[in-house]
Each structure stands twice: as structure tokens, then as C-alpha cells.
Amino acid sequence: MNQSLRLVPITPANVETAMAVKVRAGQERFVSPVAKSLAEAYVQPQVAWPRLILDGDRPVGFLMAFIDIDWDGKGIDFRSGLWRLNVTAEAQGQGVGRFAVRAVAAEIKRRGATRMYVTWEPAEDGPEGFYLKLGFQLTGEESGVQRVGVLDLI
């Protein structure tokens, strides 16, 4: 994995750079554009953790984690995990996604959680294999039309 990968907060100075992150053609149906993610982060700042992924100074992706979100809306089941992951077409297959998942796992663990969640749309060309290869296990739950995966952080 590239040792120059790093996360930086979204700021007024880099928001346009973040919004310019585009996934490979055909993947748009699996992940929302960065602009939508940033709008969601703006209205839910208490749970959203958006970050630009840089390789040195080159933008290669965007991620947004959710931290202690009220999963079922009943105030009982609070979860943290990966909400969005957008890796530029040019950077795919270079360890950026793996770096992003590990970085979110480290942040969630730092905050005291022992599990990390992610959801994805099931499809032959979707991200399920990527997440399963990283150790996520299907929970058997669905969030809308998406499958739910969990990774133990202990």
C-alpha cells in the first residue's frame, strides 16, 4: 500500500477538490456523488465524519464515516461505520479503498467502538467482494435495498 496516503478534513480550501472526486464510469449507481455526501454531513454534523483522501498532494478519494448514528431511530442501537467511499478511477486497485477502510476502523476504535458497519447494494459488479475480502461479515440485515456488513475491531 502507498505510504503517502493520508486523510484530511474537508475545508473551504479543499471542498472543490473533494467534489471533483469521481469514481469509474458505471460505478456511480453504487455511491453518491461527494457533493451529496457533503450536504448530508452539513445537516448531520453530529454523526458525519467526511475526509478527503490524498496521495501526497494528489486527491485520490473521499470517504465519510458515520459515528454513533441511531441505527433504528429508537435510541437503542447506536453504530459507527463507513457511510461513503469514492475512489477516483485512476487510483482504483492501488490500495486506496483498503487504506480508507482501515483509517475509518482506526477512528472508530479510537472513539471506543468495537464494531464497524458498512452497507452496499448487492450486484455482480458491486463492492461486496471488496468488503468481504477485508473481513466484513454479512449481518443478515438490510438497510433499504442494501446489505449490512460488520467488522469486529477487537
N, C-alpha and C. Protein backbone atom coordinates (compact mmCIF):
# COMPACT_ATOMS: atom_id res chain seq x y z
N MET A 1 0.85 -1.18 0.00
CA MET A 1 0.00 0.00 0.00
C MET A 1 0.89 1.24 0.00
N ASN A 2 0.44 2.26 -0.66
CA ASN A 2 1.18 3.51 -0.77
C ASN A 2 1.30 4.17 0.59
N GLN A 3 2.52 4.46 1.01
CA GLN A 3 2.76 5.07 2.32
C GLN A 3 2.44 6.56 2.37
N SER A 4 2.18 7.18 1.23
CA SER A 4 1.90 8.61 1.23
C SER A 4 0.41 8.93 1.29
N LEU A 5 -0.42 7.90 1.49
CA LEU A 5 -1.86 8.13 1.61
C LEU A 5 -2.17 8.75 2.96
N ARG A 6 -3.09 9.72 2.95
CA ARG A 6 -3.49 10.37 4.20
C ARG A 6 -4.89 10.94 4.06
N LEU A 7 -5.53 11.16 5.20
CA LEU A 7 -6.84 11.79 5.25
C LEU A 7 -6.70 13.23 5.71
N VAL A 8 -7.51 14.10 5.11
CA VAL A 8 -7.55 15.48 5.58
C VAL A 8 -9.02 15.90 5.70
N PRO A 9 -9.33 16.71 6.71
CA PRO A 9 -10.70 17.21 6.84
C PRO A 9 -11.09 18.05 5.63
N ILE A 10 -12.37 18.13 5.37
CA ILE A 10 -12.88 18.98 4.30
C ILE A 10 -12.93 20.41 4.83
N THR A 11 -12.34 21.32 4.08
CA THR A 11 -12.26 22.73 4.47
C THR A 11 -12.70 23.61 3.30
N PRO A 12 -12.90 24.89 3.53
CA PRO A 12 -13.21 25.78 2.41
C PRO A 12 -12.12 25.75 1.33
N ALA A 13 -10.89 25.49 1.72
CA ALA A 13 -9.79 25.48 0.77
C ALA A 13 -9.78 24.24 -0.13
N ASN A 14 -10.38 23.12 0.32
CA ASN A 14 -10.31 21.89 -0.48
C ASN A 14 -11.67 21.31 -0.87
N VAL A 15 -12.75 22.02 -0.55
CA VAL A 15 -14.08 21.47 -0.82
C VAL A 15 -14.30 21.25 -2.32
N GLU A 16 -13.82 22.13 -3.16
CA GLU A 16 -13.97 21.95 -4.62
C GLU A 16 -13.17 20.74 -5.09
N THR A 17 -11.99 20.55 -4.53
CA THR A 17 -11.17 19.39 -4.86
C THR A 17 -11.89 18.12 -4.47
N ALA A 18 -12.49 18.11 -3.29
CA ALA A 18 -13.24 16.93 -2.83
C ALA A 18 -14.40 16.64 -3.77
N MET A 19 -15.14 17.68 -4.14
CA MET A 19 -16.31 17.48 -5.00
C MET A 19 -15.93 17.02 -6.40
N ALA A 20 -14.67 17.20 -6.79
CA ALA A 20 -14.21 16.77 -8.11
C ALA A 20 -13.84 15.29 -8.14
N VAL A 21 -13.85 14.61 -7.00
CA VAL A 21 -13.53 13.18 -6.97
C VAL A 21 -14.65 12.41 -7.67
N LYS A 22 -14.29 11.67 -8.68
CA LYS A 22 -15.25 10.89 -9.47
C LYS A 22 -14.81 9.43 -9.53
N VAL A 23 -15.76 8.53 -9.36
CA VAL A 23 -15.48 7.10 -9.47
C VAL A 23 -15.45 6.69 -10.94
N ARG A 24 -15.07 5.46 -11.19
CA ARG A 24 -15.01 4.94 -12.57
C ARG A 24 -16.42 4.90 -13.17
N ALA A 25 -16.50 5.15 -14.46
CA ALA A 25 -17.79 5.10 -15.17
C ALA A 25 -18.47 3.76 -14.90
N GLY A 26 -19.74 3.80 -14.59
CA GLY A 26 -20.50 2.60 -14.28
C GLY A 26 -20.63 2.33 -12.79
N GLN A 27 -19.80 2.99 -11.99
CA GLN A 27 -19.87 2.81 -10.54
C GLN A 27 -20.75 3.84 -9.85
N GLU A 28 -21.18 4.83 -10.58
CA GLU A 28 -21.97 5.91 -9.99
C GLU A 28 -23.23 5.40 -9.28
N ARG A 29 -23.77 4.28 -9.74
CA ARG A 29 -25.01 3.78 -9.13
C ARG A 29 -24.77 3.18 -7.75
N PHE A 30 -23.51 2.93 -7.41
CA PHE A 30 -23.20 2.31 -6.12
C PHE A 30 -22.85 3.32 -5.03
N VAL A 31 -22.54 4.55 -5.38
CA VAL A 31 -22.13 5.53 -4.37
C VAL A 31 -22.59 6.92 -4.80
N SER A 32 -23.03 7.70 -3.84
CA SER A 32 -23.49 9.06 -4.13
C SER A 32 -22.32 9.96 -4.47
N PRO A 33 -22.59 11.02 -5.23
CA PRO A 33 -21.53 12.00 -5.51
C PRO A 33 -21.08 12.66 -4.20
N VAL A 34 -19.86 13.12 -4.19
CA VAL A 34 -19.29 13.76 -3.00
C VAL A 34 -20.15 14.95 -2.56
N ALA A 35 -20.67 15.72 -3.50
CA ALA A 35 -21.48 16.88 -3.14
C ALA A 35 -22.69 16.47 -2.29
N LYS A 36 -23.33 15.36 -2.62
CA LYS A 36 -24.47 14.89 -1.82
C LYS A 36 -24.00 14.48 -0.43
N SER A 37 -22.87 13.79 -0.36
CA SER A 37 -22.33 13.39 0.94
C SER A 37 -22.03 14.61 1.81
N LEU A 38 -21.45 15.64 1.20
CA LEU A 38 -21.12 16.84 1.97
C LEU A 38 -22.39 17.56 2.43
N ALA A 39 -23.43 17.53 1.63
CA ALA A 39 -24.71 18.12 2.05
C ALA A 39 -25.27 17.35 3.25
N GLU A 40 -25.17 16.02 3.21
CA GLU A 40 -25.63 15.21 4.34
C GLU A 40 -24.78 15.47 5.57
N ALA A 41 -23.48 15.63 5.38
CA ALA A 41 -22.60 15.94 6.51
C ALA A 41 -22.95 17.30 7.12
N TYR A 42 -23.31 18.25 6.29
CA TYR A 42 -23.66 19.58 6.75
C TYR A 42 -24.90 19.55 7.65
N VAL A 43 -25.89 18.74 7.30
CA VAL A 43 -27.12 18.70 8.09
C VAL A 43 -27.07 17.68 9.22
N GLN A 44 -26.02 16.85 9.24
CA GLN A 44 -25.87 15.86 10.31
C GLN A 44 -24.44 15.89 10.87
N PRO A 45 -23.95 17.04 11.28
CA PRO A 45 -22.55 17.14 11.71
C PRO A 45 -22.23 16.33 12.96
N GLN A 46 -23.25 15.99 13.73
CA GLN A 46 -23.01 15.22 14.95
C GLN A 46 -22.65 13.77 14.66
N VAL A 47 -22.96 13.25 13.47
CA VAL A 47 -22.65 11.85 13.13
C VAL A 47 -21.75 11.69 11.92
N ALA A 48 -21.60 12.72 11.09
CA ALA A 48 -20.84 12.59 9.85
C ALA A 48 -19.37 12.96 10.06
N TRP A 49 -18.49 12.17 9.46
CA TRP A 49 -17.04 12.38 9.53
C TRP A 49 -16.49 12.29 8.11
N PRO A 50 -16.58 13.40 7.33
CA PRO A 50 -16.10 13.39 5.94
C PRO A 50 -14.61 13.71 5.86
N ARG A 51 -13.91 13.04 4.93
CA ARG A 51 -12.48 13.26 4.74
C ARG A 51 -12.11 13.10 3.27
N LEU A 52 -11.17 13.91 2.84
CA LEU A 52 -10.56 13.80 1.52
C LEU A 52 -9.37 12.86 1.66
N ILE A 53 -9.20 11.96 0.70
CA ILE A 53 -8.06 11.05 0.71
C ILE A 53 -7.04 11.58 -0.29
N LEU A 54 -5.83 11.81 0.20
CA LEU A 54 -4.76 12.32 -0.64
C LEU A 54 -3.64 11.30 -0.74
N ASP A 55 -3.02 11.26 -1.91
CA ASP A 55 -1.78 10.51 -2.12
C ASP A 55 -0.73 11.59 -2.34
N GLY A 56 0.02 11.90 -1.29
CA GLY A 56 0.87 13.09 -1.32
C GLY A 56 -0.05 14.29 -1.34
N ASP A 57 -0.03 15.05 -2.42
CA ASP A 57 -0.94 16.18 -2.56
C ASP A 57 -2.03 15.92 -3.60
N ARG A 58 -2.04 14.72 -4.17
CA ARG A 58 -3.00 14.37 -5.23
C ARG A 58 -4.26 13.78 -4.63
N PRO A 59 -5.45 14.34 -4.93
CA PRO A 59 -6.69 13.75 -4.43
C PRO A 59 -6.97 12.42 -5.12
N VAL A 60 -7.21 11.38 -4.32
CA VAL A 60 -7.48 10.06 -4.88
C VAL A 60 -8.79 9.47 -4.37
N GLY A 61 -9.45 10.16 -3.46
CA GLY A 61 -10.71 9.62 -2.97
C GLY A 61 -11.36 10.51 -1.92
N PHE A 62 -12.52 10.06 -1.50
CA PHE A 62 -13.31 10.72 -0.48
C PHE A 62 -13.97 9.63 0.34
N LEU A 63 -14.03 9.83 1.64
CA LEU A 63 -14.79 8.92 2.48
C LEU A 63 -15.62 9.72 3.46
N MET A 64 -16.67 9.10 3.94
CA MET A 64 -17.44 9.67 5.03
C MET A 64 -17.86 8.53 5.94
N ALA A 65 -17.49 8.69 7.19
CA ALA A 65 -17.89 7.73 8.20
C ALA A 65 -19.12 8.26 8.93
N PHE A 66 -19.84 7.34 9.56
CA PHE A 66 -20.91 7.75 10.48
C PHE A 66 -20.47 7.30 11.87
N ILE A 67 -20.64 8.19 12.83
CA ILE A 67 -20.19 7.94 14.19
C ILE A 67 -21.39 7.97 15.13
N ASP A 68 -21.63 6.85 15.79
CA ASP A 68 -22.72 6.74 16.77
C ASP A 68 -24.07 7.19 16.22
N ILE A 69 -24.42 6.69 15.05
CA ILE A 69 -25.72 7.01 14.46
C ILE A 69 -26.79 6.14 15.11
N ASP A 70 -27.96 6.71 15.32
CA ASP A 70 -29.09 5.97 15.88
C ASP A 70 -29.64 5.08 14.77
N TRP A 71 -29.15 3.85 14.72
CA TRP A 71 -29.37 2.94 13.59
C TRP A 71 -30.85 2.70 13.30
N ASP A 72 -31.62 2.42 14.33
CA ASP A 72 -33.03 2.08 14.10
C ASP A 72 -33.98 3.22 14.45
N GLY A 73 -33.42 4.37 14.86
CA GLY A 73 -34.25 5.52 15.19
C GLY A 73 -34.99 5.41 16.50
N LYS A 74 -34.65 4.41 17.31
CA LYS A 74 -35.34 4.20 18.58
C LYS A 74 -34.48 4.56 19.79
N GLY A 75 -33.26 5.03 19.53
CA GLY A 75 -32.39 5.42 20.63
C GLY A 75 -31.78 4.25 21.39
N ILE A 76 -31.75 3.08 20.76
CA ILE A 76 -31.24 1.88 21.44
C ILE A 76 -29.97 1.35 20.78
N ASP A 77 -29.95 1.32 19.47
CA ASP A 77 -28.86 0.70 18.71
C ASP A 77 -28.04 1.78 18.00
N PHE A 78 -26.91 2.15 18.59
CA PHE A 78 -26.04 3.17 18.00
C PHE A 78 -24.85 2.48 17.35
N ARG A 79 -24.56 2.86 16.11
CA ARG A 79 -23.50 2.21 15.34
C ARG A 79 -22.59 3.25 14.68
N SER A 80 -21.40 2.78 14.36
CA SER A 80 -20.43 3.59 13.62
C SER A 80 -19.93 2.77 12.44
N GLY A 81 -19.57 3.46 11.36
CA GLY A 81 -19.08 2.72 10.21
C GLY A 81 -18.76 3.60 9.03
N LEU A 82 -18.57 2.95 7.90
CA LEU A 82 -18.25 3.63 6.65
C LEU A 82 -19.55 3.94 5.92
N TRP A 83 -19.80 5.20 5.70
CA TRP A 83 -21.02 5.66 5.05
C TRP A 83 -20.82 5.76 3.55
N ARG A 84 -19.72 6.37 3.13
CA ARG A 84 -19.43 6.55 1.71
C ARG A 84 -17.96 6.32 1.45
N LEU A 85 -17.67 5.77 0.29
CA LEU A 85 -16.30 5.62 -0.16
C LEU A 85 -16.27 5.82 -1.68
N ASN A 86 -15.61 6.87 -2.10
CA ASN A 86 -15.44 7.19 -3.51
C ASN A 86 -13.93 7.21 -3.79
N VAL A 87 -13.48 6.34 -4.68
CA VAL A 87 -12.07 6.30 -5.08
C VAL A 87 -12.01 6.67 -6.56
N THR A 88 -11.13 7.59 -6.90
CA THR A 88 -11.03 8.02 -8.30
C THR A 88 -10.71 6.85 -9.20
N ALA A 89 -11.15 6.95 -10.43
CA ALA A 89 -10.92 5.88 -11.41
C ALA A 89 -9.43 5.55 -11.53
N GLU A 90 -8.59 6.57 -11.54
CA GLU A 90 -7.15 6.37 -11.72
C GLU A 90 -6.51 5.69 -10.52
N ALA A 91 -7.08 5.84 -9.34
CA ALA A 91 -6.47 5.32 -8.12
C ALA A 91 -7.01 3.95 -7.71
N GLN A 92 -8.01 3.45 -8.41
CA GLN A 92 -8.58 2.15 -8.03
C GLN A 92 -7.56 1.04 -8.26
N GLY A 93 -7.58 0.07 -7.35
CA GLY A 93 -6.66 -1.06 -7.44
C GLY A 93 -5.29 -0.76 -6.88
N GLN A 94 -5.13 0.38 -6.21
CA GLN A 94 -3.83 0.77 -5.67
C GLN A 94 -3.81 0.83 -4.14
N GLY A 95 -4.83 0.25 -3.50
CA GLY A 95 -4.84 0.21 -2.03
C GLY A 95 -5.53 1.38 -1.36
N VAL A 96 -6.12 2.27 -2.13
CA VAL A 96 -6.78 3.45 -1.55
C VAL A 96 -8.01 3.03 -0.75
N GLY A 97 -8.84 2.16 -1.30
CA GLY A 97 -10.02 1.69 -0.58
C GLY A 97 -9.67 0.96 0.71
N ARG A 98 -8.67 0.10 0.64
CA ARG A 98 -8.21 -0.63 1.82
C ARG A 98 -7.70 0.36 2.88
N PHE A 99 -6.92 1.35 2.45
CA PHE A 99 -6.44 2.39 3.36
C PHE A 99 -7.62 3.11 4.01
N ALA A 100 -8.63 3.47 3.22
CA ALA A 100 -9.78 4.20 3.73
C ALA A 100 -10.53 3.40 4.78
N VAL A 101 -10.77 2.11 4.51
CA VAL A 101 -11.47 1.27 5.48
C VAL A 101 -10.66 1.17 6.77
N ARG A 102 -9.36 0.97 6.66
CA ARG A 102 -8.51 0.87 7.86
C ARG A 102 -8.48 2.17 8.64
N ALA A 103 -8.48 3.30 7.93
CA ALA A 103 -8.46 4.59 8.60
C ALA A 103 -9.76 4.83 9.37
N VAL A 104 -10.88 4.48 8.76
CA VAL A 104 -12.16 4.62 9.45
C VAL A 104 -12.22 3.67 10.64
N ALA A 105 -11.74 2.45 10.48
CA ALA A 105 -11.71 1.49 11.59
C ALA A 105 -10.89 2.03 12.74
N ALA A 106 -9.74 2.63 12.44
CA ALA A 106 -8.89 3.19 13.50
C ALA A 106 -9.60 4.34 14.22
N GLU A 107 -10.30 5.19 13.48
CA GLU A 107 -11.01 6.31 14.10
C GLU A 107 -12.16 5.80 14.98
N ILE A 108 -12.88 4.83 14.49
CA ILE A 108 -13.99 4.27 15.26
C ILE A 108 -13.47 3.60 16.54
N LYS A 109 -12.39 2.85 16.40
CA LYS A 109 -11.78 2.19 17.56
C LYS A 109 -11.26 3.23 18.56
N ARG A 110 -10.65 4.30 18.05
CA ARG A 110 -10.15 5.38 18.91
C ARG A 110 -11.27 5.98 19.75
N ARG A 111 -12.47 5.99 19.19
CA ARG A 111 -13.63 6.55 19.89
C ARG A 111 -14.30 5.54 20.82
N GLY A 112 -13.74 4.33 20.87
CA GLY A 112 -14.23 3.35 21.84
C GLY A 112 -15.15 2.27 21.32
N ALA A 113 -15.47 2.27 20.04
CA ALA A 113 -16.35 1.24 19.50
C ALA A 113 -15.56 -0.03 19.17
N THR A 114 -16.23 -1.15 19.14
CA THR A 114 -15.58 -2.43 18.85
C THR A 114 -16.07 -3.06 17.56
N ARG A 115 -16.99 -2.39 16.87
CA ARG A 115 -17.52 -2.90 15.61
C ARG A 115 -17.65 -1.75 14.62
N MET A 116 -17.46 -2.10 13.35
CA MET A 116 -17.59 -1.13 12.27
C MET A 116 -18.58 -1.70 11.25
N TYR A 117 -19.49 -0.87 10.79
CA TYR A 117 -20.52 -1.30 9.85
C TYR A 117 -20.33 -0.65 8.49
N VAL A 118 -20.86 -1.29 7.47
CA VAL A 118 -20.89 -0.75 6.12
C VAL A 118 -22.11 -1.35 5.42
N THR A 119 -22.64 -0.62 4.46
CA THR A 119 -23.75 -1.15 3.65
C THR A 119 -23.35 -1.04 2.18
N TRP A 120 -23.92 -1.92 1.37
CA TRP A 120 -23.67 -1.87 -0.07
C TRP A 120 -24.85 -2.48 -0.80
N GLU A 121 -24.99 -2.04 -2.03
CA GLU A 121 -26.04 -2.57 -2.90
C GLU A 121 -25.54 -3.88 -3.52
N PRO A 122 -26.29 -4.96 -3.36
CA PRO A 122 -25.85 -6.21 -3.96
C PRO A 122 -25.95 -6.15 -5.47
N ALA A 123 -24.86 -6.48 -6.13
CA ALA A 123 -24.82 -6.51 -7.60
C ALA A 123 -23.55 -7.25 -7.99
N GLU A 124 -23.61 -7.90 -9.12
CA GLU A 124 -22.47 -8.69 -9.60
C GLU A 124 -21.19 -7.84 -9.68
N ASP A 125 -21.32 -6.60 -10.12
CA ASP A 125 -20.15 -5.74 -10.26
C ASP A 125 -20.03 -4.72 -9.13
N GLY A 126 -20.70 -4.98 -8.01
CA GLY A 126 -20.68 -4.08 -6.87
C GLY A 126 -19.50 -4.33 -5.93
N PRO A 127 -19.49 -3.63 -4.79
CA PRO A 127 -18.35 -3.67 -3.87
C PRO A 127 -18.38 -4.80 -2.84
N GLU A 128 -19.35 -5.70 -2.91
CA GLU A 128 -19.46 -6.73 -1.88
C GLU A 128 -18.17 -7.55 -1.70
N GLY A 129 -17.58 -8.00 -2.78
CA GLY A 129 -16.35 -8.79 -2.69
C GLY A 129 -15.23 -8.03 -2.01
N PHE A 130 -15.12 -6.74 -2.29
CA PHE A 130 -14.11 -5.89 -1.65
C PHE A 130 -14.28 -5.90 -0.14
N TYR A 131 -15.51 -5.66 0.32
CA TYR A 131 -15.74 -5.59 1.76
C TYR A 131 -15.57 -6.95 2.43
N LEU A 132 -16.04 -8.00 1.80
CA LEU A 132 -15.88 -9.34 2.38
C LEU A 132 -14.41 -9.72 2.46
N LYS A 133 -13.63 -9.34 1.46
CA LYS A 133 -12.19 -9.65 1.46
C LYS A 133 -11.48 -8.92 2.61
N LEU A 134 -12.01 -7.78 3.01
CA LEU A 134 -11.42 -7.04 4.12
C LEU A 134 -11.88 -7.55 5.49
N GLY A 135 -12.74 -8.56 5.50
CA GLY A 135 -13.14 -9.17 6.76
C GLY A 135 -14.54 -8.85 7.23
N PHE A 136 -15.28 -8.04 6.49
CA PHE A 136 -16.67 -7.76 6.88
C PHE A 136 -17.49 -9.04 6.73
N GLN A 137 -18.42 -9.21 7.65
CA GLN A 137 -19.34 -10.34 7.62
C GLN A 137 -20.76 -9.81 7.42
N LEU A 138 -21.53 -10.50 6.63
CA LEU A 138 -22.94 -10.11 6.46
C LEU A 138 -23.68 -10.31 7.77
N THR A 139 -24.51 -9.33 8.14
CA THR A 139 -25.28 -9.44 9.38
C THR A 139 -26.62 -10.12 9.14
N GLY A 140 -27.05 -10.20 7.90
CA GLY A 140 -28.39 -10.70 7.58
C GLY A 140 -29.41 -9.59 7.56
N GLU A 141 -29.01 -8.38 7.91
CA GLU A 141 -29.90 -7.22 7.91
C GLU A 141 -29.86 -6.56 6.53
N GLU A 142 -30.86 -5.74 6.29
CA GLU A 142 -30.87 -4.88 5.13
C GLU A 142 -31.18 -3.47 5.58
N SER A 143 -30.58 -2.52 4.90
CA SER A 143 -30.86 -1.10 5.12
C SER A 143 -31.40 -0.59 3.80
N GLY A 144 -32.71 -0.49 3.71
CA GLY A 144 -33.33 -0.21 2.41
C GLY A 144 -33.08 -1.40 1.51
N VAL A 145 -32.40 -1.18 0.38
CA VAL A 145 -32.09 -2.27 -0.55
C VAL A 145 -30.64 -2.74 -0.38
N GLN A 146 -29.96 -2.21 0.61
CA GLN A 146 -28.55 -2.53 0.78
C GLN A 146 -28.32 -3.60 1.85
N ARG A 147 -27.30 -4.39 1.64
CA ARG A 147 -26.87 -5.38 2.62
C ARG A 147 -26.03 -4.69 3.68
N VAL A 148 -26.05 -5.25 4.88
CA VAL A 148 -25.28 -4.68 6.00
C VAL A 148 -24.16 -5.65 6.35
N GLY A 149 -22.95 -5.08 6.46
CA GLY A 149 -21.79 -5.87 6.87
C GLY A 149 -21.21 -5.30 8.15
N VAL A 150 -20.56 -6.16 8.93
CA VAL A 150 -19.94 -5.73 10.18
C VAL A 150 -18.53 -6.30 10.26
N LEU A 151 -17.66 -5.53 10.86
CA LEU A 151 -16.26 -5.93 11.07
C LEU A 151 -15.95 -5.74 12.54
N ASP A 152 -15.53 -6.80 13.21
CA ASP A 152 -15.13 -6.70 14.61
C ASP A 152 -13.77 -6.03 14.67
N LEU A 153 -13.62 -5.05 15.56
CA LEU A 153 -12.40 -4.26 15.67
C LEU A 153 -11.52 -4.67 16.86
N ILE A 154 -11.91 -5.72 17.55
CA ILE A 154 -11.11 -6.13 18.71
C ILE A 154 -10.09 -7.17 18.38
